[in-house]
Amino acid sequence: MKTNLLPIIAFLAPVAAVALLPVSAVAAGIALSATGVITVFAADYGRNVEPLRAPTQVVAFSAQRPSAEFRAAA
């Protein structure tokens, strides 16, 4: 699913809820909740499933024992 429709759906959901509010508060709540759930499902399942990669640099780690001063401070 194209996720560029999600902002439009997210805008139209409160408009529909406000339009349904004079009819029934329960219907407005259900319409808003159902649209929110559908939007979350579309956002989650509409993306590609692949591992996330974060480019990092390797940090050198010295395996030396800490000095006695550091042990005393701890």
Protein backbone atom coordinates (compact mmCIF):
# COMPACT_ATOMS: atom_id res chain seq x y z
CA MET A 1 0.00 0.00 0.00
CA LYS A 2 1.19 3.49 -0.75
CA THR A 3 1.86 5.23 2.53
CA ASN A 4 1.53 8.70 1.02
CA LEU A 5 -2.23 8.36 1.53
CA LEU A 6 -1.86 8.12 5.30
CA PRO A 7 -1.76 11.89 5.99
CA ILE A 8 -4.93 12.33 3.94
CA ILE A 9 -6.65 9.51 5.84
CA ALA A 10 -5.42 10.94 9.14
CA PHE A 11 -6.93 14.31 8.20
CA LEU A 12 -10.25 12.93 7.00
CA ALA A 13 -10.80 10.71 10.06
CA PRO A 14 -11.40 13.59 12.52
CA VAL A 15 -13.53 15.37 9.94
CA ALA A 16 -15.73 12.28 9.64
CA ALA A 17 -15.84 11.93 13.42
CA VAL A 18 -16.97 15.53 13.82
CA ALA A 19 -19.61 15.00 11.12
CA LEU A 20 -20.91 11.90 12.94
CA LEU A 21 -20.84 13.53 16.38
CA PRO A 22 -24.34 15.11 16.15
CA VAL A 23 -25.75 11.74 15.10
CA SER A 24 -24.09 9.63 17.76
CA ALA A 25 -21.03 10.04 19.93
CA VAL A 26 -20.54 6.28 19.89
CA ALA A 27 -20.54 6.21 16.07
CA ALA A 28 -18.02 9.06 15.99
CA GLY A 29 -15.77 7.24 18.44
CA ILE A 30 -15.99 3.99 16.52
CA ALA A 31 -15.26 5.75 13.21
CA LEU A 32 -12.23 7.50 14.69
CA SER A 33 -10.92 4.36 16.36
CA ALA A 34 -11.42 2.16 13.30
CA THR A 35 -9.68 4.67 11.05
CA GLY A 36 -6.78 4.91 13.49
CA VAL A 37 -6.37 1.14 13.63
CA ILE A 38 -6.50 0.86 9.83
CA THR A 39 -3.91 3.63 9.52
CA VAL A 40 -1.54 1.91 11.96
CA PHE A 41 -1.91 -1.42 10.14
CA ALA A 42 -1.26 0.25 6.79
CA ALA A 43 1.83 2.02 8.13
CA ASP A 44 3.24 -1.14 9.70
CA TYR A 45 2.51 -3.59 6.92
CA GLY A 46 3.09 -1.20 4.04
CA ARG A 47 6.83 -0.92 4.56
CA ASN A 48 9.59 -3.23 3.42
CA VAL A 49 10.76 -5.77 5.94
CA GLU A 50 14.52 -5.65 6.00
CA PRO A 51 17.13 -5.22 8.71
CA LEU A 52 17.84 -1.69 9.81
CA ARG A 53 21.41 -0.60 9.25
CA ALA A 54 23.16 2.20 11.03
CA PRO A 55 26.55 3.21 9.62
CA THR A 56 29.03 3.31 12.48
CA GLN A 57 32.73 3.50 12.99
CA VAL A 58 34.71 0.92 14.91
CA VAL A 59 35.94 2.21 18.26
CA ALA A 60 39.24 0.84 19.47
CA PHE A 61 39.07 -0.82 22.87
CA SER A 62 42.15 -1.33 24.95
CA ALA A 63 42.01 -4.47 27.06
CA GLN A 64 44.37 -3.13 29.70
CA ARG A 65 43.53 -3.47 33.34
CA PRO A 66 42.51 -0.23 35.04
CA SER A 67 45.11 1.40 37.20
CA ALA A 68 45.00 1.29 40.99
CA GLU A 69 43.91 4.93 41.07
CA PHE A 70 40.75 4.11 39.15
CA ARG A 71 40.01 1.20 41.48
CA ALA A 72 40.48 3.42 44.52
CA ALA A 73 38.17 6.04 43.02
CA ALA A 74 35.50 3.47 42.32
